[in-house]
Amino acid sequence: MVEAFTPRAEDEKVQTAARRAAATATTDSGRRLRHIGTIVVPVDETCFYIFEAETLEGLRAATERAGISSDRIVEARLLEPDDPHPNPRGR
């Protein structure tokens, strides 16, 4: 998950940046990432780009190439409601 400060967040600009990151997501080792979605929190001027990535380093490189200035990049897991066996990779 990529957390970024987005003053007066505009959904179109945020989505364009996420598409750029996904399009540039092939690293030198051939690893890929997938943009799952983006959460925009206008009152906090923050957005959370949610990606599925093999490594944090690959995600960091892709977001830098896409021009996303991130405050932090961390591993996150998605827990589905009523799922007794959540997938550790967040899917």
C-alpha atoms as a PDB file:
ATOM      1  CA  MET A   1       0.000   0.000   0.000  1.00  0.00           C
ATOM      2  CA  VAL A   2       1.298   3.412  -0.960  1.00  0.00           C
ATOM      3  CA  GLU A   3       0.283   6.370   1.190  1.00  0.00           C
ATOM      4  CA  ALA A   4       0.553   9.770  -0.440  1.00  0.00           C
ATOM      5  CA  PHE A   5      -0.271  13.336   0.497  1.00  0.00           C
ATOM      6  CA  THR A   6      -2.688  14.731  -2.089  1.00  0.00           C
ATOM      7  CA  PRO A   7      -3.642  18.346  -1.486  1.00  0.00           C
ATOM      8  CA  ARG A   8      -7.195  18.922  -2.665  1.00  0.00           C
ATOM      9  CA  ALA A   9      -7.181  15.404  -4.091  1.00  0.00           C
ATOM     10  CA  GLU A  10      -8.677  15.144  -7.536  1.00  0.00           C
ATOM     11  CA  ASP A  11      -9.838  11.651  -8.392  1.00  0.00           C
ATOM     12  CA  GLU A  12      -8.770  11.875 -12.051  1.00  0.00           C
ATOM     13  CA  LYS A  13      -5.185  12.891 -11.222  1.00  0.00           C
ATOM     14  CA  VAL A  14      -4.915  10.164  -8.594  1.00  0.00           C
ATOM     15  CA  GLN A  15      -6.219   7.492 -10.991  1.00  0.00           C
ATOM     16  CA  THR A  16      -3.899   8.677 -13.763  1.00  0.00           C
ATOM     17  CA  ALA A  17      -0.923   8.313 -11.429  1.00  0.00           C
ATOM     18  CA  ALA A  18      -2.043   4.798 -10.434  1.00  0.00           C
ATOM     19  CA  ARG A  19      -2.388   3.781 -14.095  1.00  0.00           C
ATOM     20  CA  ARG A  20       1.104   5.149 -14.798  1.00  0.00           C
ATOM     21  CA  ALA A  21       2.518   3.113 -11.912  1.00  0.00           C
ATOM     22  CA  ALA A  22       0.849  -0.083 -13.126  1.00  0.00           C
ATOM     23  CA  ALA A  23       2.004   0.562 -16.702  1.00  0.00           C
ATOM     24  CA  THR A  24       5.612   0.973 -15.583  1.00  0.00           C
ATOM     25  CA  ALA A  25       5.455  -1.902 -13.168  1.00  0.00           C
ATOM     26  CA  THR A  26       7.789  -4.363 -14.825  1.00  0.00           C
ATOM     27  CA  THR A  27      11.069  -4.327 -12.959  1.00  0.00           C
ATOM     28  CA  ASP A  28      14.433  -5.414 -14.294  1.00  0.00           C
ATOM     29  CA  SER A  29      13.777  -8.884 -12.914  1.00  0.00           C
ATOM     30  CA  GLY A  30      10.427  -9.103 -14.723  1.00  0.00           C
ATOM     31  CA  ARG A  31       8.268  -8.779 -11.618  1.00  0.00           C
ATOM     32  CA  ARG A  32       4.875  -7.152 -12.039  1.00  0.00           C
ATOM     33  CA  LEU A  33       2.324  -5.405  -9.920  1.00  0.00           C
ATOM     34  CA  ARG A  34      -1.408  -4.874 -10.216  1.00  0.00           C
ATOM     35  CA  HIS A  35      -3.377  -1.800  -9.178  1.00  0.00           C
ATOM     36  CA  ILE A  36      -6.312  -3.016  -7.088  1.00  0.00           C
ATOM     37  CA  GLY A  37      -7.779   0.384  -6.277  1.00  0.00           C
ATOM     38  CA  THR A  38      -7.221   3.697  -4.592  1.00  0.00           C
ATOM     39  CA  ILE A  39      -8.801   5.110  -1.456  1.00  0.00           C
ATOM     40  CA  VAL A  40      -8.999   8.896  -1.354  1.00  0.00           C
ATOM     41  CA  VAL A  41      -9.559  10.641   1.983  1.00  0.00           C
ATOM     42  CA  PRO A  42     -10.244  14.266   0.983  1.00  0.00           C
ATOM     43  CA  VAL A  43     -10.599  15.616   4.528  1.00  0.00           C
ATOM     44  CA  ASP A  44      -7.067  14.375   5.328  1.00  0.00           C
ATOM     45  CA  GLU A  45      -5.671  15.204   1.878  1.00  0.00           C
ATOM     46  CA  THR A  46      -4.392  11.642   1.697  1.00  0.00           C
ATOM     47  CA  CYS A  47      -4.783   8.762  -0.671  1.00  0.00           C
ATOM     48  CA  PHE A  48      -3.893   5.100  -0.396  1.00  0.00           C
ATOM     49  CA  TYR A  49      -2.900   3.352  -3.614  1.00  0.00           C
ATOM     50  CA  ILE A  50      -3.563  -0.357  -3.189  1.00  0.00           C
ATOM     51  CA  PHE A  51      -1.320  -2.604  -5.274  1.00  0.00           C
ATOM     52  CA  GLU A  52      -0.605  -6.303  -5.396  1.00  0.00           C
ATOM     53  CA  ALA A  53       3.170  -6.574  -5.726  1.00  0.00           C
ATOM     54  CA  GLU A  54       5.799  -9.259  -5.373  1.00  0.00           C
ATOM     55  CA  THR A  55       8.164  -6.967  -3.482  1.00  0.00           C
ATOM     56  CA  LEU A  56       8.073  -3.590  -1.774  1.00  0.00           C
ATOM     57  CA  GLU A  57      11.196  -2.634  -3.724  1.00  0.00           C
ATOM     58  CA  GLY A  58       9.428  -3.286  -7.046  1.00  0.00           C
ATOM     59  CA  LEU A  59       6.434  -1.267  -5.902  1.00  0.00           C
ATOM     60  CA  ARG A  60       8.666   1.577  -4.745  1.00  0.00           C
ATOM     61  CA  ALA A  61      10.495   1.653  -8.097  1.00  0.00           C
ATOM     62  CA  ALA A  62       7.238   1.630 -10.092  1.00  0.00           C
ATOM     63  CA  THR A  63       5.707   4.466  -8.085  1.00  0.00           C
ATOM     64  CA  GLU A  64       8.891   6.533  -8.414  1.00  0.00           C
ATOM     65  CA  ARG A  65       8.893   6.022 -12.203  1.00  0.00           C
ATOM     66  CA  ALA A  66       5.216   7.040 -12.273  1.00  0.00           C
ATOM     67  CA  GLY A  67       5.941  10.249 -10.367  1.00  0.00           C
ATOM     68  CA  ILE A  68       3.983   9.296  -7.251  1.00  0.00           C
ATOM     69  CA  SER A  69       5.527  11.033  -4.268  1.00  0.00           C
ATOM     70  CA  SER A  70       4.787   8.682  -1.385  1.00  0.00           C
ATOM     71  CA  ASP A  71       4.922   9.343   2.323  1.00  0.00           C
ATOM     72  CA  ARG A  72       5.346   5.637   2.970  1.00  0.00           C
ATOM     73  CA  ILE A  73       5.029   2.231   1.349  1.00  0.00           C
ATOM     74  CA  VAL A  74       4.024  -0.695   3.529  1.00  0.00           C
ATOM     75  CA  GLU A  75       2.738  -4.229   3.242  1.00  0.00           C
ATOM     76  CA  ALA A  76      -0.989  -4.527   3.940  1.00  0.00           C
ATOM     77  CA  ARG A  77      -3.489  -7.388   3.982  1.00  0.00           C
ATOM     78  CA  LEU A  78      -7.115  -7.338   2.912  1.00  0.00           C
ATOM     79  CA  LEU A  79      -9.369  -9.365   5.177  1.00  0.00           C
ATOM     80  CA  GLU A  80     -12.666 -10.297   3.573  1.00  0.00           C
ATOM     81  CA  PRO A  81     -15.780 -10.326   5.768  1.00  0.00           C
ATOM     82  CA  ASP A  82     -16.767 -13.778   7.015  1.00  0.00           C
ATOM     83  CA  ASP A  83     -13.649 -15.365   5.508  1.00  0.00           C
ATOM     84  CA  PRO A  84     -12.419 -17.960   8.039  1.00  0.00           C
ATOM     85  CA  HIS A  85      -9.110 -18.354   6.163  1.00  0.00           C
ATOM     86  CA  PRO A  86      -7.891 -14.933   4.978  1.00  0.00           C
ATOM     87  CA  ASN A  87      -5.282 -15.060   2.245  1.00  0.00           C
ATOM     88  CA  PRO A  88      -1.942 -13.834   3.636  1.00  0.00           C
ATOM     89  CA  ARG A  89      -1.196 -12.061   0.304  1.00  0.00           C
ATOM     90  CA  GLY A  90      -4.284  -9.900   0.716  1.00  0.00           C
ATOM     91  CA  ARG A  91      -6.423 -11.292  -2.109  1.00  0.00           C
END
